[in-house]
N, C-alpha and C. Protein backbone atom coordinates (compact mmCIF):
# COMPACT_ATOMS: atom_id res chain seq x y z
N MET A 1 26.39 10.66 -11.38
CA MET A 1 25.14 11.35 -11.03
C MET A 1 24.41 10.55 -9.95
N SER A 2 23.88 11.24 -8.95
CA SER A 2 23.18 10.57 -7.87
C SER A 2 21.86 9.96 -8.36
N SER A 3 21.39 8.96 -7.65
CA SER A 3 20.15 8.29 -8.02
C SER A 3 18.97 9.25 -7.91
N ARG A 4 18.00 9.04 -8.79
CA ARG A 4 16.80 9.87 -8.80
C ARG A 4 15.56 8.99 -8.86
N LEU A 5 14.46 9.55 -8.44
CA LEU A 5 13.16 8.91 -8.55
C LEU A 5 12.16 9.90 -9.11
N LYS A 6 11.20 9.39 -9.88
CA LYS A 6 10.12 10.25 -10.36
C LYS A 6 9.01 10.23 -9.31
N ILE A 7 8.69 11.42 -8.81
CA ILE A 7 7.77 11.59 -7.69
C ILE A 7 6.50 12.30 -8.16
N THR A 8 5.35 11.76 -7.77
CA THR A 8 4.06 12.43 -8.04
C THR A 8 3.75 13.44 -6.96
N GLU A 9 3.97 13.07 -5.69
CA GLU A 9 3.69 13.99 -4.59
C GLU A 9 4.30 13.48 -3.29
N ILE A 10 4.56 14.41 -2.40
CA ILE A 10 4.99 14.11 -1.03
C ILE A 10 4.09 14.93 -0.11
N PHE A 11 3.42 14.28 0.81
CA PHE A 11 2.43 15.00 1.62
C PHE A 11 2.28 14.36 2.99
N HIS A 12 1.63 15.07 3.87
CA HIS A 12 1.42 14.67 5.26
C HIS A 12 -0.06 14.36 5.45
N SER A 13 -0.36 13.18 6.02
CA SER A 13 -1.75 12.80 6.26
C SER A 13 -1.76 11.77 7.39
N LEU A 14 -2.90 11.10 7.60
CA LEU A 14 -3.01 10.07 8.62
C LEU A 14 -2.94 8.70 7.96
N GLN A 15 -2.17 7.81 8.58
CA GLN A 15 -2.12 6.44 8.09
C GLN A 15 -3.46 5.77 8.32
N GLY A 16 -3.90 4.96 7.36
CA GLY A 16 -5.22 4.37 7.46
C GLY A 16 -5.25 2.89 7.75
N GLU A 17 -4.07 2.24 7.85
CA GLU A 17 -4.05 0.79 7.99
C GLU A 17 -3.02 0.35 9.01
N ALA A 18 -3.16 -0.92 9.44
CA ALA A 18 -2.19 -1.63 10.27
C ALA A 18 -2.08 -1.00 11.65
N ASP A 19 -0.98 -1.32 12.36
CA ASP A 19 -0.85 -0.89 13.75
C ASP A 19 -0.53 0.59 13.87
N THR A 20 -0.26 1.27 12.74
CA THR A 20 -0.02 2.71 12.79
C THR A 20 -1.23 3.51 12.29
N ALA A 21 -2.38 2.88 12.17
CA ALA A 21 -3.59 3.58 11.71
C ALA A 21 -3.87 4.78 12.60
N GLY A 22 -4.11 5.94 11.96
CA GLY A 22 -4.41 7.17 12.68
C GLY A 22 -3.19 7.98 13.04
N ILE A 23 -2.00 7.47 12.78
CA ILE A 23 -0.77 8.18 13.13
C ILE A 23 -0.36 9.11 11.99
N PRO A 24 -0.01 10.37 12.30
CA PRO A 24 0.47 11.27 11.25
C PRO A 24 1.70 10.68 10.54
N THR A 25 1.64 10.70 9.22
CA THR A 25 2.64 10.02 8.40
C THR A 25 2.93 10.86 7.17
N VAL A 26 4.18 10.84 6.72
CA VAL A 26 4.54 11.45 5.44
C VAL A 26 4.44 10.38 4.37
N PHE A 27 3.70 10.69 3.31
CA PHE A 27 3.54 9.77 2.19
C PHE A 27 4.38 10.26 1.01
N VAL A 28 5.21 9.37 0.49
CA VAL A 28 6.02 9.65 -0.69
C VAL A 28 5.45 8.81 -1.82
N ARG A 29 4.74 9.48 -2.74
CA ARG A 29 4.08 8.75 -3.82
C ARG A 29 4.93 8.78 -5.08
N LEU A 30 5.43 7.62 -5.47
CA LEU A 30 6.23 7.49 -6.68
C LEU A 30 5.33 7.37 -7.91
N THR A 31 5.85 7.80 -9.04
CA THR A 31 5.09 7.82 -10.29
C THR A 31 5.26 6.50 -11.03
N GLY A 32 4.19 6.05 -11.66
CA GLY A 32 4.24 4.89 -12.54
C GLY A 32 3.74 3.61 -11.88
N CYS A 33 3.09 2.76 -12.68
CA CYS A 33 2.62 1.46 -12.21
C CYS A 33 2.39 0.56 -13.42
N PRO A 34 2.85 -0.69 -13.37
CA PRO A 34 2.62 -1.60 -14.49
C PRO A 34 1.23 -2.22 -14.49
N LEU A 35 0.48 -2.04 -13.40
CA LEU A 35 -0.86 -2.62 -13.28
C LEU A 35 -1.92 -1.56 -13.56
N ARG A 36 -3.13 -2.05 -13.84
CA ARG A 36 -4.26 -1.15 -14.08
C ARG A 36 -5.50 -1.73 -13.38
N CYS A 37 -5.48 -1.74 -12.06
CA CYS A 37 -6.61 -2.26 -11.30
C CYS A 37 -7.84 -1.41 -11.58
N GLN A 38 -8.98 -2.06 -11.77
CA GLN A 38 -10.17 -1.32 -12.21
C GLN A 38 -10.70 -0.37 -11.15
N TYR A 39 -10.35 -0.57 -9.89
CA TYR A 39 -10.82 0.31 -8.82
C TYR A 39 -9.79 1.35 -8.40
N CYS A 40 -8.68 1.45 -9.11
CA CYS A 40 -7.57 2.31 -8.66
C CYS A 40 -8.04 3.74 -8.45
N ASP A 41 -7.68 4.31 -7.28
CA ASP A 41 -8.05 5.70 -6.97
C ASP A 41 -6.85 6.64 -7.08
N THR A 42 -5.74 6.14 -7.62
CA THR A 42 -4.56 7.00 -7.79
C THR A 42 -4.04 6.93 -9.22
N ALA A 43 -4.96 6.87 -10.19
CA ALA A 43 -4.54 6.81 -11.59
C ALA A 43 -3.75 8.04 -12.00
N TYR A 44 -3.91 9.14 -11.26
CA TYR A 44 -3.14 10.35 -11.58
C TYR A 44 -1.64 10.13 -11.40
N ALA A 45 -1.26 9.03 -10.70
CA ALA A 45 0.16 8.73 -10.49
C ALA A 45 0.74 7.84 -11.59
N PHE A 46 -0.06 7.46 -12.57
CA PHE A 46 0.45 6.60 -13.65
C PHE A 46 1.49 7.32 -14.50
N HIS A 47 1.30 8.61 -14.71
CA HIS A 47 2.15 9.36 -15.63
C HIS A 47 2.56 10.69 -14.99
N GLY A 48 3.45 11.38 -15.65
CA GLY A 48 3.87 12.70 -15.18
C GLY A 48 4.92 12.58 -14.10
N GLY A 49 4.76 13.34 -13.04
CA GLY A 49 5.72 13.34 -11.96
C GLY A 49 6.91 14.23 -12.24
N GLU A 50 7.79 14.31 -11.25
CA GLU A 50 8.98 15.16 -11.32
C GLU A 50 10.16 14.39 -10.75
N TRP A 51 11.31 14.53 -11.39
CA TRP A 51 12.51 13.84 -10.92
C TRP A 51 13.05 14.52 -9.66
N TRP A 52 13.28 13.73 -8.61
CA TRP A 52 13.88 14.20 -7.38
C TRP A 52 15.09 13.32 -7.07
N ASP A 53 16.20 13.92 -6.60
CA ASP A 53 17.27 13.08 -6.11
C ASP A 53 16.94 12.64 -4.69
N LEU A 54 17.58 11.57 -4.23
CA LEU A 54 17.17 10.95 -2.98
C LEU A 54 17.37 11.87 -1.77
N GLU A 55 18.44 12.63 -1.76
CA GLU A 55 18.67 13.54 -0.64
C GLU A 55 17.61 14.63 -0.56
N ARG A 56 17.13 15.07 -1.71
CA ARG A 56 16.07 16.08 -1.71
C ARG A 56 14.79 15.49 -1.13
N ILE A 57 14.50 14.23 -1.47
CA ILE A 57 13.32 13.57 -0.91
C ILE A 57 13.43 13.50 0.60
N LEU A 58 14.60 13.09 1.10
CA LEU A 58 14.80 12.99 2.55
C LEU A 58 14.62 14.35 3.22
N ARG A 59 15.17 15.39 2.62
CA ARG A 59 15.01 16.72 3.22
C ARG A 59 13.54 17.11 3.31
N ARG A 60 12.80 16.83 2.25
CA ARG A 60 11.38 17.17 2.24
C ARG A 60 10.61 16.38 3.30
N VAL A 61 10.91 15.10 3.43
CA VAL A 61 10.25 14.27 4.44
C VAL A 61 10.51 14.82 5.84
N ARG A 62 11.73 15.22 6.12
CA ARG A 62 12.08 15.73 7.44
C ARG A 62 11.37 17.03 7.78
N GLU A 63 10.96 17.78 6.78
CA GLU A 63 10.28 19.05 7.04
C GLU A 63 8.96 18.85 7.77
N PHE A 64 8.36 17.67 7.69
CA PHE A 64 7.07 17.43 8.32
C PHE A 64 7.19 17.03 9.78
N SER A 65 8.40 16.77 10.25
CA SER A 65 8.66 16.51 11.68
C SER A 65 7.83 15.36 12.25
N THR A 66 7.73 14.28 11.50
CA THR A 66 7.13 13.05 12.01
C THR A 66 8.05 11.89 11.66
N PRO A 67 8.18 10.90 12.54
CA PRO A 67 9.11 9.80 12.26
C PRO A 67 8.54 8.74 11.32
N TYR A 68 7.24 8.85 10.98
CA TYR A 68 6.61 7.83 10.17
C TYR A 68 6.56 8.26 8.71
N VAL A 69 7.01 7.38 7.81
CA VAL A 69 6.98 7.68 6.38
C VAL A 69 6.55 6.43 5.63
N CYS A 70 5.67 6.62 4.66
CA CYS A 70 5.15 5.53 3.84
C CYS A 70 5.50 5.81 2.38
N VAL A 71 6.20 4.88 1.75
CA VAL A 71 6.53 4.98 0.33
C VAL A 71 5.48 4.19 -0.44
N THR A 72 4.80 4.88 -1.36
CA THR A 72 3.64 4.30 -2.02
C THR A 72 3.65 4.69 -3.50
N GLY A 73 2.56 4.41 -4.21
CA GLY A 73 2.50 4.73 -5.63
C GLY A 73 1.08 4.97 -6.07
N GLY A 74 0.82 4.65 -7.35
CA GLY A 74 1.62 3.84 -8.28
C GLY A 74 2.13 2.56 -7.66
N GLU A 75 3.18 2.06 -8.28
CA GLU A 75 3.91 0.92 -7.75
C GLU A 75 5.35 1.36 -7.52
N PRO A 76 5.71 1.63 -6.26
CA PRO A 76 7.04 2.19 -6.00
C PRO A 76 8.19 1.30 -6.45
N LEU A 77 8.04 -0.02 -6.34
CA LEU A 77 9.14 -0.91 -6.70
C LEU A 77 9.36 -1.00 -8.20
N ALA A 78 8.49 -0.37 -9.00
CA ALA A 78 8.71 -0.33 -10.45
C ALA A 78 9.90 0.56 -10.80
N GLN A 79 10.32 1.41 -9.86
CA GLN A 79 11.51 2.24 -10.05
C GLN A 79 12.65 1.65 -9.21
N LYS A 80 13.75 1.29 -9.85
CA LYS A 80 14.83 0.57 -9.18
C LYS A 80 15.41 1.34 -8.00
N ALA A 81 15.49 2.66 -8.11
CA ALA A 81 16.09 3.45 -7.04
C ALA A 81 15.22 3.51 -5.80
N CYS A 82 14.02 2.95 -5.85
CA CYS A 82 13.17 2.90 -4.66
C CYS A 82 13.86 2.16 -3.53
N LEU A 83 14.59 1.10 -3.86
CA LEU A 83 15.29 0.33 -2.83
C LEU A 83 16.32 1.20 -2.10
N GLU A 84 17.00 2.05 -2.84
CA GLU A 84 17.97 2.97 -2.23
C GLU A 84 17.27 3.96 -1.32
N LEU A 85 16.12 4.46 -1.77
CA LEU A 85 15.38 5.42 -0.95
C LEU A 85 14.94 4.79 0.36
N LEU A 86 14.43 3.57 0.30
CA LEU A 86 13.98 2.90 1.52
C LEU A 86 15.12 2.78 2.53
N ALA A 87 16.29 2.38 2.05
CA ALA A 87 17.44 2.25 2.95
C ALA A 87 17.87 3.61 3.51
N LEU A 88 17.84 4.63 2.67
CA LEU A 88 18.22 5.98 3.12
C LEU A 88 17.30 6.48 4.22
N LEU A 89 16.00 6.28 4.04
CA LEU A 89 15.03 6.71 5.04
C LEU A 89 15.23 5.96 6.36
N CYS A 90 15.49 4.66 6.27
CA CYS A 90 15.76 3.88 7.48
C CYS A 90 17.03 4.35 8.17
N ASP A 91 18.07 4.62 7.39
CA ASP A 91 19.34 5.10 7.96
C ASP A 91 19.15 6.43 8.68
N ALA A 92 18.16 7.21 8.25
CA ALA A 92 17.88 8.50 8.89
C ALA A 92 17.09 8.34 10.19
N GLY A 93 16.79 7.12 10.58
CA GLY A 93 16.09 6.88 11.82
C GLY A 93 14.58 6.94 11.72
N LEU A 94 14.04 6.94 10.50
CA LEU A 94 12.60 7.01 10.30
C LEU A 94 11.97 5.62 10.34
N ARG A 95 10.70 5.57 10.70
CA ARG A 95 9.94 4.31 10.68
C ARG A 95 9.25 4.22 9.33
N VAL A 96 9.72 3.32 8.51
CA VAL A 96 9.39 3.30 7.08
C VAL A 96 8.48 2.12 6.76
N SER A 97 7.42 2.39 5.99
CA SER A 97 6.59 1.33 5.44
C SER A 97 6.55 1.48 3.92
N LEU A 98 6.25 0.38 3.25
CA LEU A 98 6.20 0.32 1.79
C LEU A 98 4.88 -0.29 1.38
N GLU A 99 4.12 0.42 0.55
CA GLU A 99 2.88 -0.13 -0.02
C GLU A 99 3.18 -0.61 -1.43
N THR A 100 3.03 -1.91 -1.66
CA THR A 100 3.38 -2.49 -2.95
C THR A 100 2.35 -3.54 -3.34
N SER A 101 2.25 -3.80 -4.62
CA SER A 101 1.33 -4.83 -5.11
C SER A 101 1.93 -6.21 -4.84
N GLY A 102 1.14 -7.23 -5.04
CA GLY A 102 1.65 -8.59 -4.91
C GLY A 102 2.37 -9.06 -6.15
N ALA A 103 2.69 -8.14 -7.06
CA ALA A 103 3.30 -8.51 -8.34
C ALA A 103 4.79 -8.21 -8.40
N MET A 104 5.37 -7.71 -7.31
CA MET A 104 6.76 -7.28 -7.34
C MET A 104 7.61 -8.11 -6.38
N ALA A 105 8.87 -8.33 -6.77
CA ALA A 105 9.81 -9.04 -5.91
C ALA A 105 10.18 -8.17 -4.71
N LEU A 106 10.29 -8.79 -3.55
CA LEU A 106 10.57 -8.07 -2.30
C LEU A 106 11.97 -8.35 -1.77
N ALA A 107 12.75 -9.16 -2.46
CA ALA A 107 14.03 -9.63 -1.93
C ALA A 107 14.99 -8.48 -1.60
N GLY A 108 14.95 -7.40 -2.37
CA GLY A 108 15.89 -6.30 -2.16
C GLY A 108 15.44 -5.25 -1.17
N VAL A 109 14.24 -5.39 -0.60
CA VAL A 109 13.71 -4.38 0.31
C VAL A 109 14.45 -4.45 1.65
N ASP A 110 14.88 -3.32 2.15
CA ASP A 110 15.59 -3.24 3.42
C ASP A 110 14.77 -3.95 4.52
N PRO A 111 15.38 -4.81 5.30
CA PRO A 111 14.63 -5.56 6.32
C PRO A 111 14.01 -4.69 7.40
N ARG A 112 14.44 -3.45 7.52
CA ARG A 112 13.86 -2.55 8.52
C ARG A 112 12.52 -1.98 8.09
N VAL A 113 12.15 -2.18 6.83
CA VAL A 113 10.92 -1.62 6.26
C VAL A 113 9.74 -2.54 6.54
N VAL A 114 8.61 -1.97 6.96
CA VAL A 114 7.36 -2.71 7.08
C VAL A 114 6.72 -2.78 5.70
N ARG A 115 6.46 -4.00 5.25
CA ARG A 115 5.95 -4.20 3.90
C ARG A 115 4.44 -4.45 3.94
N VAL A 116 3.71 -3.66 3.16
CA VAL A 116 2.26 -3.81 3.03
C VAL A 116 2.01 -4.31 1.61
N VAL A 117 1.64 -5.59 1.49
CA VAL A 117 1.54 -6.24 0.19
C VAL A 117 0.08 -6.42 -0.19
N ASP A 118 -0.29 -5.89 -1.34
CA ASP A 118 -1.67 -5.92 -1.84
C ASP A 118 -1.81 -7.07 -2.84
N VAL A 119 -2.32 -8.21 -2.36
CA VAL A 119 -2.54 -9.35 -3.25
C VAL A 119 -3.78 -9.06 -4.09
N LYS A 120 -3.63 -9.07 -5.40
CA LYS A 120 -4.73 -8.66 -6.28
C LYS A 120 -5.75 -9.78 -6.45
N SER A 121 -7.00 -9.46 -6.14
CA SER A 121 -8.11 -10.41 -6.30
C SER A 121 -8.61 -10.38 -7.74
N PRO A 122 -9.41 -11.38 -8.16
CA PRO A 122 -9.90 -11.39 -9.54
C PRO A 122 -10.65 -10.13 -9.94
N GLY A 123 -11.38 -9.53 -9.00
CA GLY A 123 -12.15 -8.33 -9.31
C GLY A 123 -11.30 -7.14 -9.69
N SER A 124 -10.02 -7.17 -9.34
CA SER A 124 -9.13 -6.07 -9.69
C SER A 124 -8.82 -6.04 -11.18
N GLY A 125 -8.96 -7.20 -11.85
CA GLY A 125 -8.55 -7.31 -13.24
C GLY A 125 -7.06 -7.54 -13.40
N GLU A 126 -6.33 -7.69 -12.28
CA GLU A 126 -4.87 -7.84 -12.33
C GLU A 126 -4.40 -9.01 -11.44
N ARG A 127 -5.19 -10.08 -11.39
CA ARG A 127 -4.82 -11.22 -10.54
C ARG A 127 -3.60 -11.96 -11.07
N HIS A 128 -3.46 -12.09 -12.38
CA HIS A 128 -2.43 -12.97 -12.94
C HIS A 128 -0.99 -12.54 -12.62
N PRO A 129 -0.68 -11.25 -12.48
CA PRO A 129 0.72 -10.90 -12.13
C PRO A 129 1.12 -11.22 -10.69
N ASN A 130 0.19 -11.66 -9.83
CA ASN A 130 0.53 -11.93 -8.44
C ASN A 130 1.71 -12.90 -8.33
N ARG A 131 2.64 -12.60 -7.42
CA ARG A 131 3.76 -13.48 -7.12
C ARG A 131 3.46 -14.14 -5.77
N TYR A 132 2.88 -15.32 -5.81
CA TYR A 132 2.40 -15.94 -4.58
C TYR A 132 3.54 -16.47 -3.70
N GLN A 133 4.76 -16.49 -4.23
CA GLN A 133 5.89 -16.92 -3.42
C GLN A 133 6.35 -15.83 -2.46
N GLU A 134 5.98 -14.58 -2.71
CA GLU A 134 6.48 -13.48 -1.89
C GLU A 134 5.97 -13.51 -0.44
N PRO A 135 4.69 -13.81 -0.19
CA PRO A 135 4.22 -13.77 1.21
C PRO A 135 4.97 -14.69 2.15
N ALA A 136 5.59 -15.76 1.63
CA ALA A 136 6.33 -16.67 2.51
C ALA A 136 7.52 -15.97 3.17
N GLY A 137 8.00 -14.90 2.57
CA GLY A 137 9.13 -14.18 3.12
C GLY A 137 8.75 -13.02 4.02
N LEU A 138 7.45 -12.82 4.26
CA LEU A 138 7.01 -11.73 5.13
C LEU A 138 7.26 -12.08 6.59
N ARG A 139 7.15 -11.06 7.45
CA ARG A 139 7.37 -11.23 8.88
C ARG A 139 6.11 -10.84 9.65
N PRO A 140 6.04 -11.15 10.92
CA PRO A 140 4.85 -10.77 11.70
C PRO A 140 4.57 -9.28 11.70
N THR A 141 5.58 -8.46 11.45
CA THR A 141 5.39 -7.01 11.44
C THR A 141 4.83 -6.50 10.11
N ASP A 142 4.77 -7.36 9.10
CA ASP A 142 4.27 -6.96 7.79
C ASP A 142 2.76 -7.15 7.69
N LEU A 143 2.20 -6.72 6.56
CA LEU A 143 0.75 -6.73 6.38
C LEU A 143 0.41 -7.18 4.96
N VAL A 144 -0.65 -7.98 4.84
CA VAL A 144 -1.16 -8.41 3.54
C VAL A 144 -2.58 -7.90 3.40
N LYS A 145 -2.89 -7.36 2.22
CA LYS A 145 -4.20 -6.78 1.98
C LYS A 145 -4.83 -7.38 0.73
N PHE A 146 -6.12 -7.67 0.81
CA PHE A 146 -6.92 -8.06 -0.34
C PHE A 146 -8.04 -7.03 -0.49
N VAL A 147 -8.14 -6.38 -1.65
CA VAL A 147 -9.27 -5.49 -1.91
C VAL A 147 -10.40 -6.35 -2.47
N ILE A 148 -11.57 -6.27 -1.82
CA ILE A 148 -12.70 -7.14 -2.13
C ILE A 148 -13.74 -6.36 -2.92
N CYS A 149 -14.05 -6.85 -4.13
CA CYS A 149 -15.04 -6.17 -4.98
C CYS A 149 -16.41 -6.81 -4.93
N GLY A 150 -16.53 -7.99 -4.35
CA GLY A 150 -17.81 -8.68 -4.27
C GLY A 150 -17.64 -10.02 -3.59
N ARG A 151 -18.73 -10.79 -3.51
CA ARG A 151 -18.69 -12.07 -2.80
C ARG A 151 -17.69 -13.04 -3.43
N ALA A 152 -17.58 -13.03 -4.76
CA ALA A 152 -16.63 -13.94 -5.41
C ALA A 152 -15.19 -13.63 -4.99
N ASP A 153 -14.85 -12.33 -4.89
CA ASP A 153 -13.51 -11.95 -4.42
C ASP A 153 -13.29 -12.39 -2.98
N TYR A 154 -14.33 -12.25 -2.17
CA TYR A 154 -14.23 -12.66 -0.77
C TYR A 154 -13.91 -14.14 -0.65
N GLU A 155 -14.64 -14.97 -1.40
CA GLU A 155 -14.42 -16.41 -1.33
C GLU A 155 -13.05 -16.78 -1.90
N TRP A 156 -12.65 -16.11 -2.99
CA TRP A 156 -11.33 -16.37 -3.57
C TRP A 156 -10.24 -15.99 -2.57
N SER A 157 -10.39 -14.87 -1.90
CA SER A 157 -9.38 -14.40 -0.96
C SER A 157 -9.30 -15.33 0.26
N ARG A 158 -10.45 -15.82 0.74
CA ARG A 158 -10.43 -16.78 1.84
C ARG A 158 -9.65 -18.02 1.45
N SER A 159 -9.90 -18.52 0.25
CA SER A 159 -9.20 -19.71 -0.22
C SER A 159 -7.71 -19.46 -0.40
N LYS A 160 -7.38 -18.31 -1.00
CA LYS A 160 -5.97 -17.99 -1.23
C LYS A 160 -5.23 -17.80 0.10
N LEU A 161 -5.89 -17.22 1.06
CA LEU A 161 -5.26 -17.01 2.36
C LEU A 161 -4.84 -18.33 3.00
N ARG A 162 -5.65 -19.37 2.81
CA ARG A 162 -5.30 -20.69 3.35
C ARG A 162 -4.08 -21.27 2.64
N GLU A 163 -3.89 -20.91 1.36
CA GLU A 163 -2.77 -21.45 0.59
C GLU A 163 -1.46 -20.73 0.88
N LEU A 164 -1.52 -19.45 1.21
CA LEU A 164 -0.31 -18.67 1.40
C LEU A 164 0.39 -19.04 2.72
N ALA A 165 1.69 -19.13 2.65
CA ALA A 165 2.48 -19.51 3.84
C ALA A 165 2.83 -18.26 4.64
N LEU A 166 1.82 -17.61 5.19
CA LEU A 166 2.07 -16.39 5.96
C LEU A 166 2.60 -16.73 7.35
N PRO A 167 3.52 -15.92 7.87
CA PRO A 167 4.02 -16.19 9.22
C PRO A 167 2.95 -15.89 10.26
N ALA A 168 3.04 -16.56 11.38
CA ALA A 168 2.11 -16.31 12.48
C ALA A 168 2.21 -14.86 12.91
N GLY A 169 1.07 -14.22 13.09
CA GLY A 169 1.04 -12.83 13.55
C GLY A 169 1.01 -11.80 12.45
N CYS A 170 1.22 -12.21 11.20
CA CYS A 170 1.16 -11.27 10.07
C CYS A 170 -0.28 -10.77 9.92
N THR A 171 -0.46 -9.45 9.91
CA THR A 171 -1.79 -8.87 9.81
C THR A 171 -2.35 -9.03 8.40
N VAL A 172 -3.62 -9.42 8.30
CA VAL A 172 -4.30 -9.56 7.01
C VAL A 172 -5.56 -8.70 7.03
N LEU A 173 -5.76 -7.93 5.96
CA LEU A 173 -6.94 -7.08 5.83
C LEU A 173 -7.72 -7.47 4.59
N PHE A 174 -9.04 -7.53 4.72
CA PHE A 174 -9.95 -7.61 3.58
C PHE A 174 -10.60 -6.23 3.46
N SER A 175 -10.22 -5.47 2.45
CA SER A 175 -10.65 -4.08 2.32
C SER A 175 -11.71 -3.95 1.23
N PRO A 176 -12.97 -3.64 1.57
CA PRO A 176 -14.01 -3.51 0.56
C PRO A 176 -13.71 -2.37 -0.42
N SER A 177 -13.92 -2.64 -1.70
CA SER A 177 -13.70 -1.62 -2.72
C SER A 177 -14.83 -0.60 -2.66
N HIS A 178 -14.43 0.65 -2.48
CA HIS A 178 -15.40 1.74 -2.33
C HIS A 178 -16.30 1.82 -3.56
N GLU A 179 -17.61 2.05 -3.34
CA GLU A 179 -18.64 2.20 -4.37
C GLU A 179 -18.95 0.90 -5.10
N GLN A 180 -18.31 -0.22 -4.70
CA GLN A 180 -18.65 -1.52 -5.27
C GLN A 180 -19.21 -2.47 -4.23
N LEU A 181 -18.88 -2.22 -2.96
CA LEU A 181 -19.27 -3.15 -1.91
C LEU A 181 -19.49 -2.40 -0.61
N PRO A 182 -20.68 -2.54 0.02
CA PRO A 182 -20.89 -1.90 1.32
C PRO A 182 -19.83 -2.35 2.31
N ALA A 183 -19.37 -1.43 3.12
CA ALA A 183 -18.21 -1.68 3.97
C ALA A 183 -18.39 -2.86 4.92
N ARG A 184 -19.61 -3.09 5.39
CA ARG A 184 -19.79 -4.13 6.40
C ARG A 184 -20.11 -5.49 5.81
N ASP A 185 -20.37 -5.59 4.50
CA ASP A 185 -20.79 -6.87 3.93
C ASP A 185 -19.79 -8.00 4.19
N PRO A 186 -18.48 -7.84 3.90
CA PRO A 186 -17.57 -8.96 4.14
C PRO A 186 -17.54 -9.42 5.58
N ALA A 187 -17.71 -8.48 6.52
CA ALA A 187 -17.70 -8.86 7.93
C ALA A 187 -18.93 -9.68 8.30
N ASP A 188 -20.01 -9.56 7.52
CA ASP A 188 -21.23 -10.30 7.81
C ASP A 188 -21.29 -11.66 7.13
N TRP A 189 -20.43 -11.89 6.14
CA TRP A 189 -20.45 -13.16 5.42
C TRP A 189 -19.79 -14.26 6.26
N ASN A 190 -20.39 -15.42 6.27
CA ASN A 190 -19.84 -16.59 6.95
C ASN A 190 -19.35 -16.29 8.37
N PRO A 191 -20.20 -15.75 9.23
CA PRO A 191 -19.73 -15.37 10.57
C PRO A 191 -19.20 -16.55 11.38
N ARG A 192 -19.65 -17.78 11.07
CA ARG A 192 -19.17 -18.95 11.81
C ARG A 192 -17.86 -19.49 11.26
N ASP A 193 -17.49 -19.02 10.07
CA ASP A 193 -16.26 -19.50 9.44
C ASP A 193 -15.47 -18.33 8.90
N ARG A 194 -15.46 -17.24 9.68
CA ARG A 194 -14.80 -16.02 9.22
C ARG A 194 -13.28 -16.17 9.32
N PRO A 195 -12.54 -15.78 8.29
CA PRO A 195 -11.08 -15.87 8.36
C PRO A 195 -10.52 -14.88 9.37
N PRO A 196 -9.30 -15.13 9.87
CA PRO A 196 -8.69 -14.24 10.88
C PRO A 196 -8.12 -12.98 10.25
N VAL A 197 -9.02 -12.11 9.80
CA VAL A 197 -8.60 -10.90 9.09
C VAL A 197 -9.30 -9.69 9.69
N GLY A 198 -8.77 -8.50 9.36
CA GLY A 198 -9.42 -7.26 9.73
C GLY A 198 -10.18 -6.68 8.55
N PHE A 199 -11.17 -5.85 8.86
CA PHE A 199 -11.95 -5.16 7.84
C PHE A 199 -11.80 -3.67 8.09
N PRO A 200 -10.85 -3.02 7.40
CA PRO A 200 -10.53 -1.63 7.72
C PRO A 200 -11.68 -0.68 7.46
N ASN A 201 -11.76 0.35 8.26
CA ASN A 201 -12.77 1.39 8.14
C ASN A 201 -12.08 2.75 8.37
N PRO A 202 -12.08 3.64 7.37
CA PRO A 202 -12.83 3.57 6.13
C PRO A 202 -12.24 2.58 5.15
N PRO A 203 -13.07 2.07 4.20
CA PRO A 203 -12.59 1.12 3.22
C PRO A 203 -11.73 1.80 2.17
N HIS A 204 -11.24 0.99 1.23
CA HIS A 204 -10.44 1.45 0.09
C HIS A 204 -11.27 2.46 -0.71
N GLN A 205 -10.89 3.73 -0.65
CA GLN A 205 -11.72 4.75 -1.28
C GLN A 205 -10.94 6.03 -1.53
N VAL A 206 -11.53 6.89 -2.31
CA VAL A 206 -10.98 8.22 -2.52
C VAL A 206 -11.51 9.13 -1.42
N PRO A 207 -10.64 9.82 -0.68
CA PRO A 207 -11.12 10.70 0.39
C PRO A 207 -12.04 11.79 -0.15
N PRO A 208 -13.00 12.28 0.66
CA PRO A 208 -13.93 13.30 0.19
C PRO A 208 -13.25 14.54 -0.33
N TRP A 209 -12.14 14.99 0.33
CA TRP A 209 -11.49 16.21 -0.13
C TRP A 209 -10.81 16.01 -1.49
N GLN A 210 -10.42 14.75 -1.80
CA GLN A 210 -9.86 14.49 -3.12
C GLN A 210 -10.95 14.51 -4.19
N ARG A 211 -12.11 13.91 -3.87
CA ARG A 211 -13.21 13.90 -4.84
C ARG A 211 -13.66 15.31 -5.15
N ALA A 212 -13.54 16.20 -4.16
CA ALA A 212 -13.95 17.59 -4.35
C ALA A 212 -12.86 18.42 -5.01
N GLY A 213 -11.70 17.78 -5.25
CA GLY A 213 -10.61 18.49 -5.91
C GLY A 213 -9.83 19.39 -4.98
N GLY A 214 -10.03 19.22 -3.66
CA GLY A 214 -9.34 20.06 -2.71
C GLY A 214 -8.14 19.38 -2.09
N ARG A 215 -7.68 19.93 -0.99
CA ARG A 215 -6.50 19.43 -0.29
C ARG A 215 -6.79 19.39 1.20
N ARG A 216 -6.14 18.49 1.87
CA ARG A 216 -6.29 18.41 3.33
C ARG A 216 -4.94 17.97 3.90
N GLY A 217 -4.29 18.84 4.60
CA GLY A 217 -3.02 18.52 5.19
C GLY A 217 -1.94 18.25 4.17
N GLY A 218 -2.06 18.78 2.97
CA GLY A 218 -1.08 18.52 1.94
C GLY A 218 -1.76 18.01 0.69
N PRO A 219 -0.99 17.62 -0.34
CA PRO A 219 -1.57 17.11 -1.57
C PRO A 219 -2.39 15.87 -1.34
N ARG A 220 -3.19 15.53 -2.31
CA ARG A 220 -4.11 14.41 -2.14
C ARG A 220 -3.38 13.08 -2.04
N ARG A 221 -4.03 12.13 -1.40
CA ARG A 221 -3.48 10.78 -1.28
C ARG A 221 -4.37 9.83 -2.06
C-alpha cells in the first residue's frame, strides 16, 4: 500500500514570512501535533483530518498552478510519511518549505526544502521539548522564528539566539503573539542593543476571514 498522510486542508494563500513573503503559495496542512502552545491559532488541526495518498496530494497541489508550496501543521514531522511527501514535491520541481517546531529532528528532511523552525519561547508553554542542537544544521536559506508573548520572552529569545550556532545569513524572526503583545513593542525594546532579527507584519495571528468563519482564496490557514 502506498504511503498516506492525514491532511486537515490544502489551500492557496499568500506566504507571510521570509524571502517569499507575499508570494502566492499552496499550503498543505497536516493533521496532529504533540505540542499545545497556548497561543496556537490552528488547534482545529489537532484532530480529524482525512487520509490522502502522496500522489493525490501532489495532484491537488499542481491544480493551483504555483511553484511554491509550504508543508505545515499541526506539526507535519509528527507523521513519518511527511519526509516522503517533501521529497516528492521537490522531485516535481516545486519550491518547497516546511514549517516545523523546534521539537522535531530535521536530519531526514530533503536538503532541497527550506526549513522554517519555530523555537518555542517560555510563553508558549512548550519550551522544554525544544531540540537546541537542530539549528546548528540549518543553512543560510533556512529561517528561525521565535513567537514573543511579552518582554520576558523577548529577553529569553535574545539570550537563546546568542547561544544557538546559527549559520551566517540565516533569517531570524521575532514574531509578536497576536492579542498578547502590540506588534511594534519588540522593535522598540533595547534599540541600541537590538538583535539582528526581523519583526514580521502582520504578526502571528488568526486572519480576519478565519475569525469570521469565512474563507479567502481557499480554506483557512
